[in-house]
Each structure stands twice: as structure tokens, then as C-alpha cells.
Amino acid sequence: MRTRHSFPARTGLGVLFLLLAQAVALATPAQAHGDTVKVVINGQREGHLTTDITWENHGEAIEEAVAATVNATSADGSRALGPWKLVRDAGTRTGWSTAEVLPAGTWKVHVHVGFPSLGHAEREVSVPVVDTAPPSTSATPTAPAPASPSATDVPSAAASASPALAGAAGGMLLVRRAPARRQARGDG
């Protein structure tokens, strides 16, 4: 008894040829550079995790987009953050960092790259506590509280206040004379 295949022989070869052609057509640049990327966790900059990602075989920068995630666990294992994605650092060819900020403390960090090829790194990173208070720009000494005036200080206090008193007295004099002038002219 003869069994019949669901695909004719020519169709089976056609499917095999299509699969082979697709594998060749989808050959990524990763295959030209090797099959893995090298991930180096440099540390942190103001709480942002910093990394360098290159082709492992020859250390060249990766020109295309990189799909990478970061996960962080506190040293005591009580807190976990992520997954966060890495974004290219401006002005560098190999630098990648997180947009998110790690809180102060010690963190075990894992970076996983899935595209354009596979890569992984882990490292313990310490983020220092940053004082958010603005630094004092001037060292102004505090002046001692003024002492109560003594009998000898009273004349000097009166002398320093005399220009103000003279101005106030002159103003009062003008206000008082205004109605008298109006009466003398017959305005009032």
C-alpha cells in the first residue's frame, strides 16, 4: 500500500528552498560581526547606569539600534527595579545608559541584550547619597545682637535720626501752612 504525502515532492523542495532563502536573506549584521555582543557595565553617572556595548569579536561600535534591558536588585534583595531599556549616550559611539535613575544604595545590576545579537553582563554598582540642598555661596557672618542703648549712646542715636526727624518736621510744617495760605488768598 502506498501512502500519499500531504505535499507533493516539488512543493516540499520549494518550501525547503524558501526556508533556506529566508535564512540567508535575514542574515543580520550580527552574523558579519560575530554572534554575540560584549556588554561592559562601567558604573553610574548621577544614578544613571552606564555601559559600553560593542561587537565581541572585534570591539567595533554597534551602529544599529540595540534592544537591551536593565534589572537591578538591592544588595539585601528587598527591592527590585526594572526592566529599564538602555538608550544611546549622546556623543559616544559605544556608550549606552538608562533614562531612569537608581536610588542611593548598592545594587546588583543585570544587562541583557537581545538585538542585534545576544549579550549579557552583571555587576554590583554603588550609588552615593546626593545632598540636594544648594551649597551656600556666601559665608555671611552673623552679627551679634545689638546691646541695649546706654546713656552715652542716646545722643548718637538722636544725631543719626535727626535728618529723618528734620524731614518729617518740615513736611508737617508745609501741611500746616497750606490751609493758612489758602485763607490768606481767599481760596478756602
C-alpha atoms as a PDB file:
ATOM      1  CA  MET A   1       0.000   0.000   0.000  1.00  0.00           C
ATOM      2  CA  ARG A   2       1.263   3.332  -0.922  1.00  0.00           C
ATOM      3  CA  THR A   3       0.842   6.420   1.305  1.00  0.00           C
ATOM      4  CA  ARG A   4       0.365   9.770  -0.114  1.00  0.00           C
ATOM      5  CA  HIS A   5       2.304  12.762   1.277  1.00  0.00           C
ATOM      6  CA  SER A   6       0.428  15.903   2.028  1.00  0.00           C
ATOM      7  CA  PHE A   7       2.908  17.893  -0.048  1.00  0.00           C
ATOM      8  CA  PRO A   8       3.972  16.865  -3.484  1.00  0.00           C
ATOM      9  CA  ALA A   9       7.732  16.356  -3.768  1.00  0.00           C
ATOM     10  CA  ARG A  10       8.155  19.566  -5.726  1.00  0.00           C
ATOM     11  CA  THR A  11       6.275  21.580  -3.100  1.00  0.00           C
ATOM     12  CA  GLY A  12       8.383  20.103  -0.307  1.00  0.00           C
ATOM     13  CA  LEU A  13      11.536  21.140  -2.129  1.00  0.00           C
ATOM     14  CA  GLY A  14      10.003  24.550  -2.748  1.00  0.00           C
ATOM     15  CA  VAL A  15       9.276  25.018   0.959  1.00  0.00           C
ATOM     16  CA  LEU A  16      12.774  23.878   1.867  1.00  0.00           C
ATOM     17  CA  PHE A  17      14.229  26.279  -0.688  1.00  0.00           C
ATOM     18  CA  LEU A  18      12.071  29.131   0.676  1.00  0.00           C
ATOM     19  CA  LEU A  19      13.205  28.466   4.233  1.00  0.00           C
ATOM     20  CA  LEU A  20      16.840  28.396   3.160  1.00  0.00           C
ATOM     21  CA  ALA A  21      16.418  31.597   1.138  1.00  0.00           C
ATOM     22  CA  GLN A  22      14.741  33.293   4.090  1.00  0.00           C
ATOM     23  CA  ALA A  23      17.580  32.300   6.423  1.00  0.00           C
ATOM     24  CA  VAL A  24      20.121  33.759   4.011  1.00  0.00           C
ATOM     25  CA  ALA A  25      18.073  36.908   3.401  1.00  0.00           C
ATOM     26  CA  LEU A  26      17.561  37.537   7.091  1.00  0.00           C
ATOM     27  CA  ALA A  27      21.248  37.246   7.871  1.00  0.00           C
ATOM     28  CA  THR A  28      21.737  40.156  10.223  1.00  0.00           C
ATOM     29  CA  PRO A  29      24.829  42.309  10.537  1.00  0.00           C
ATOM     30  CA  ALA A  30      25.460  40.360  13.741  1.00  0.00           C
ATOM     31  CA  GLN A  31      26.461  37.374  11.665  1.00  0.00           C
ATOM     32  CA  ALA A  32      29.034  39.502   9.873  1.00  0.00           C
ATOM     33  CA  HIS A  33      30.432  40.696  13.219  1.00  0.00           C
ATOM     34  CA  GLY A  34      30.036  37.507  15.209  1.00  0.00           C
ATOM     35  CA  ASP A  35      27.208  36.031  17.151  1.00  0.00           C
ATOM     36  CA  THR A  36      27.436  37.979  20.422  1.00  0.00           C
ATOM     37  CA  VAL A  37      27.878  41.484  21.702  1.00  0.00           C
ATOM     38  CA  LYS A  38      30.147  42.477  24.551  1.00  0.00           C
ATOM     39  CA  VAL A  39      28.487  44.379  27.397  1.00  0.00           C
ATOM     40  CA  VAL A  40      30.632  46.233  29.929  1.00  0.00           C
ATOM     41  CA  ILE A  41      28.885  47.899  32.872  1.00  0.00           C
ATOM     42  CA  ASN A  42      31.004  50.970  33.637  1.00  0.00           C
ATOM     43  CA  GLY A  43      29.119  52.096  36.735  1.00  0.00           C
ATOM     44  CA  GLN A  44      26.763  55.009  37.187  1.00  0.00           C
ATOM     45  CA  ARG A  45      26.656  58.730  36.463  1.00  0.00           C
ATOM     46  CA  GLU A  46      24.274  60.683  38.709  1.00  0.00           C
ATOM     47  CA  GLY A  47      22.338  57.438  39.282  1.00  0.00           C
ATOM     48  CA  HIS A  48      22.058  56.538  35.571  1.00  0.00           C
ATOM     49  CA  LEU A  49      23.628  53.143  34.831  1.00  0.00           C
ATOM     50  CA  THR A  50      26.357  53.481  32.162  1.00  0.00           C
ATOM     51  CA  THR A  51      27.534  50.735  29.814  1.00  0.00           C
ATOM     52  CA  ASP A  52      29.602  50.163  26.693  1.00  0.00           C
ATOM     53  CA  ILE A  53      28.188  47.749  24.117  1.00  0.00           C
ATOM     54  CA  THR A  54      30.388  46.566  21.234  1.00  0.00           C
ATOM     55  CA  TRP A  55      30.748  43.576  18.919  1.00  0.00           C
ATOM     56  CA  GLU A  56      32.566  40.910  20.908  1.00  0.00           C
ATOM     57  CA  ASN A  57      34.824  39.611  18.132  1.00  0.00           C
ATOM     58  CA  HIS A  58      36.499  42.897  17.212  1.00  0.00           C
ATOM     59  CA  GLY A  59      35.217  45.570  19.620  1.00  0.00           C
ATOM     60  CA  GLU A  60      33.625  47.810  17.000  1.00  0.00           C
ATOM     61  CA  ALA A  61      30.686  50.024  17.873  1.00  0.00           C
ATOM     62  CA  ILE A  62      27.209  48.756  17.057  1.00  0.00           C
ATOM     63  CA  GLU A  63      25.715  51.132  14.523  1.00  0.00           C
ATOM     64  CA  GLU A  64      22.132  49.856  14.552  1.00  0.00           C
ATOM     65  CA  ALA A  65      19.613  50.056  17.371  1.00  0.00           C
ATOM     66  CA  VAL A  66      20.267  47.906  20.420  1.00  0.00           C
ATOM     67  CA  ALA A  67      17.442  46.239  22.323  1.00  0.00           C
ATOM     68  CA  ALA A  68      18.745  45.920  25.872  1.00  0.00           C
ATOM     69  CA  THR A  69      17.125  45.854  29.302  1.00  0.00           C
ATOM     70  CA  VAL A  70      18.456  46.567  32.777  1.00  0.00           C
ATOM     71  CA  ASN A  71      17.242  44.971  36.000  1.00  0.00           C
ATOM     72  CA  ALA A  72      18.554  45.961  39.417  1.00  0.00           C
ATOM     73  CA  THR A  73      18.191  44.289  42.816  1.00  0.00           C
ATOM     74  CA  SER A  74      19.168  45.906  46.111  1.00  0.00           C
ATOM     75  CA  ALA A  75      22.086  44.359  47.997  1.00  0.00           C
ATOM     76  CA  ASP A  76      19.757  42.820  50.602  1.00  0.00           C
ATOM     77  CA  GLY A  77      17.341  41.579  47.911  1.00  0.00           C
ATOM     78  CA  SER A  78      14.389  43.526  49.299  1.00  0.00           C
ATOM     79  CA  ARG A  79      13.910  45.832  46.289  1.00  0.00           C
ATOM     80  CA  ALA A  80      13.893  45.192  42.548  1.00  0.00           C
ATOM     81  CA  LEU A  81      13.801  47.766  39.748  1.00  0.00           C
ATOM     82  CA  GLY A  82      13.347  47.395  36.015  1.00  0.00           C
ATOM     83  CA  PRO A  83      13.215  46.269  33.403  1.00  0.00           C
ATOM     84  CA  TRP A  84      14.502  49.557  32.025  1.00  0.00           C
ATOM     85  CA  LYS A  85      15.753  49.954  28.492  1.00  0.00           C
ATOM     86  CA  LEU A  86      19.143  51.325  27.567  1.00  0.00           C
ATOM     87  CA  VAL A  87      19.381  54.421  25.363  1.00  0.00           C
ATOM     88  CA  ARG A  88      22.434  55.588  23.423  1.00  0.00           C
ATOM     89  CA  ASP A  89      24.602  58.160  25.206  1.00  0.00           C
ATOM     90  CA  ALA A  90      24.874  61.307  23.128  1.00  0.00           C
ATOM     91  CA  GLY A  91      28.356  61.967  21.831  1.00  0.00           C
ATOM     92  CA  THR A  92      29.666  58.394  22.180  1.00  0.00           C
ATOM     93  CA  ARG A  93      29.817  55.515  19.743  1.00  0.00           C
ATOM     94  CA  THR A  94      29.647  52.673  22.267  1.00  0.00           C
ATOM     95  CA  GLY A  95      28.003  54.254  25.327  1.00  0.00           C
ATOM     96  CA  TRP A  96      24.516  53.326  26.485  1.00  0.00           C
ATOM     97  CA  SER A  97      22.743  54.343  29.707  1.00  0.00           C
ATOM     98  CA  THR A  98      19.398  54.253  31.451  1.00  0.00           C
ATOM     99  CA  ALA A  99      16.984  57.176  31.369  1.00  0.00           C
ATOM    100  CA  GLU A 100      15.818  56.118  34.847  1.00  0.00           C
ATOM    101  CA  VAL A 101      17.840  56.807  37.988  1.00  0.00           C
ATOM    102  CA  LEU A 102      18.925  54.199  40.508  1.00  0.00           C
ATOM    103  CA  PRO A 103      18.244  55.323  44.090  1.00  0.00           C
ATOM    104  CA  ALA A 104      21.144  55.672  46.509  1.00  0.00           C
ATOM    105  CA  GLY A 105      22.491  52.341  47.714  1.00  0.00           C
ATOM    106  CA  THR A 106      24.248  49.235  46.430  1.00  0.00           C
ATOM    107  CA  TRP A 107      22.607  47.407  43.518  1.00  0.00           C
ATOM    108  CA  LYS A 108      23.292  44.163  41.686  1.00  0.00           C
ATOM    109  CA  VAL A 109      22.658  45.115  38.068  1.00  0.00           C
ATOM    110  CA  HIS A 110      21.960  42.780  35.110  1.00  0.00           C
ATOM    111  CA  VAL A 111      22.033  43.937  31.481  1.00  0.00           C
ATOM    112  CA  HIS A 112      20.520  41.675  28.808  1.00  0.00           C
ATOM    113  CA  VAL A 113      20.904  42.457  25.095  1.00  0.00           C
ATOM    114  CA  GLY A 114      18.597  40.692  22.652  1.00  0.00           C
ATOM    115  CA  PHE A 115      19.229  42.604  19.421  1.00  0.00           C
ATOM    116  CA  PRO A 116      21.187  42.820  17.148  1.00  0.00           C
ATOM    117  CA  SER A 117      22.706  39.847  18.883  1.00  0.00           C
ATOM    118  CA  LEU A 118      22.805  38.313  22.347  1.00  0.00           C
ATOM    119  CA  GLY A 119      24.873  39.737  25.202  1.00  0.00           C
ATOM    120  CA  HIS A 120      24.830  39.843  28.993  1.00  0.00           C
ATOM    121  CA  ALA A 121      26.678  41.459  31.887  1.00  0.00           C
ATOM    122  CA  GLU A 122      26.193  41.855  35.610  1.00  0.00           C
ATOM    123  CA  ARG A 123      27.939  43.948  38.220  1.00  0.00           C
ATOM    124  CA  GLU A 124      27.441  45.470  41.633  1.00  0.00           C
ATOM    125  CA  VAL A 125      27.028  49.242  41.432  1.00  0.00           C
ATOM    126  CA  SER A 126      27.022  51.720  44.315  1.00  0.00           C
ATOM    127  CA  VAL A 127      25.066  54.945  44.039  1.00  0.00           C
ATOM    128  CA  PRO A 128      26.088  57.546  46.634  1.00  0.00           C
ATOM    129  CA  VAL A 129      23.630  59.677  48.560  1.00  0.00           C
ATOM    130  CA  VAL A 130      23.477  63.096  46.921  1.00  0.00           C
ATOM    131  CA  ASP A 131      22.860  66.157  49.060  1.00  0.00           C
ATOM    132  CA  THR A 132      20.043  68.052  47.347  1.00  0.00           C
ATOM    133  CA  ALA A 133      20.487  71.250  49.391  1.00  0.00           C
ATOM    134  CA  PRO A 134      22.140  74.006  47.343  1.00  0.00           C
ATOM    135  CA  PRO A 135      25.614  74.868  48.556  1.00  0.00           C
ATOM    136  CA  SER A 136      25.998  78.137  50.427  1.00  0.00           C
ATOM    137  CA  THR A 137      27.616  80.681  48.107  1.00  0.00           C
ATOM    138  CA  SER A 138      28.465  83.321  50.676  1.00  0.00           C
ATOM    139  CA  ALA A 139      29.785  82.957  54.155  1.00  0.00           C
ATOM    140  CA  THR A 140      27.902  85.793  55.843  1.00  0.00           C
ATOM    141  CA  PRO A 141      28.909  86.044  59.474  1.00  0.00           C
ATOM    142  CA  THR A 142      26.053  86.504  61.853  1.00  0.00           C
ATOM    143  CA  ALA A 143      26.117  89.890  63.554  1.00  0.00           C
ATOM    144  CA  PRO A 144      25.820  89.972  67.324  1.00  0.00           C
ATOM    145  CA  ALA A 145      22.547  91.272  68.710  1.00  0.00           C
ATOM    146  CA  PRO A 146      22.683  94.995  69.425  1.00  0.00           C
ATOM    147  CA  ALA A 147      23.191  95.856  73.049  1.00  0.00           C
ATOM    148  CA  SER A 148      20.622  97.956  74.864  1.00  0.00           C
ATOM    149  CA  PRO A 149      21.404 101.637  74.461  1.00  0.00           C
ATOM    150  CA  SER A 150      23.234 103.203  77.335  1.00  0.00           C
ATOM    151  CA  ALA A 151      23.053 106.813  78.376  1.00  0.00           C
ATOM    152  CA  THR A 152      26.117 107.636  76.268  1.00  0.00           C
ATOM    153  CA  ASP A 153      24.573 106.051  73.133  1.00  0.00           C
ATOM    154  CA  VAL A 154      21.376 108.111  73.218  1.00  0.00           C
ATOM    155  CA  PRO A 155      22.822 111.348  71.793  1.00  0.00           C
ATOM    156  CA  SER A 156      24.432 109.455  68.882  1.00  0.00           C
ATOM    157  CA  ALA A 157      21.157 107.680  68.175  1.00  0.00           C
ATOM    158  CA  ALA A 158      19.340 111.017  68.219  1.00  0.00           C
ATOM    159  CA  ALA A 159      22.012 112.532  65.978  1.00  0.00           C
ATOM    160  CA  SER A 160      21.663 109.767  63.407  1.00  0.00           C
ATOM    161  CA  ALA A 161      17.882 110.077  63.490  1.00  0.00           C
ATOM    162  CA  SER A 162      17.887 113.896  63.262  1.00  0.00           C
ATOM    163  CA  PRO A 163      17.884 114.113  59.421  1.00  0.00           C
ATOM    164  CA  ALA A 164      14.784 111.939  59.315  1.00  0.00           C
ATOM    165  CA  LEU A 165      13.153 113.929  62.057  1.00  0.00           C
ATOM    166  CA  ALA A 166      14.017 117.180  60.335  1.00  0.00           C
ATOM    167  CA  GLY A 167      12.413 115.946  57.094  1.00  0.00           C
ATOM    168  CA  ALA A 168       9.286 114.851  58.922  1.00  0.00           C
ATOM    169  CA  ALA A 169       9.064 118.128  60.801  1.00  0.00           C
ATOM    170  CA  GLY A 170       9.490 120.097  57.555  1.00  0.00           C
ATOM    171  CA  GLY A 171       6.689 118.108  55.943  1.00  0.00           C
ATOM    172  CA  MET A 172       4.394 118.792  58.861  1.00  0.00           C
ATOM    173  CA  LEU A 173       5.194 122.469  58.661  1.00  0.00           C
ATOM    174  CA  LEU A 174       4.216 122.600  54.982  1.00  0.00           C
ATOM    175  CA  VAL A 175       0.966 120.780  55.647  1.00  0.00           C
ATOM    176  CA  ARG A 176       0.028 123.225  58.380  1.00  0.00           C
ATOM    177  CA  ARG A 177       0.890 126.280  56.299  1.00  0.00           C
ATOM    178  CA  ALA A 178      -1.164 125.175  53.276  1.00  0.00           C
ATOM    179  CA  PRO A 179      -4.564 125.996  54.832  1.00  0.00           C
ATOM    180  CA  ALA A 180      -3.221 129.294  56.129  1.00  0.00           C
ATOM    181  CA  ARG A 181      -2.055 130.287  52.625  1.00  0.00           C
ATOM    182  CA  ARG A 182      -5.406 129.355  51.145  1.00  0.00           C
ATOM    183  CA  GLN A 183      -7.193 131.519  53.706  1.00  0.00           C
ATOM    184  CA  ALA A 184      -4.857 134.413  53.009  1.00  0.00           C
ATOM    185  CA  ARG A 185      -5.558 134.184  49.272  1.00  0.00           C
ATOM    186  CA  GLY A 186      -9.244 133.700  49.842  1.00  0.00           C
ATOM    187  CA  ASP A 187      -9.400 130.180  48.346  1.00  0.00           C
ATOM    188  CA  GLY A 188     -10.762 128.396  51.320  1.00  0.00           C
END
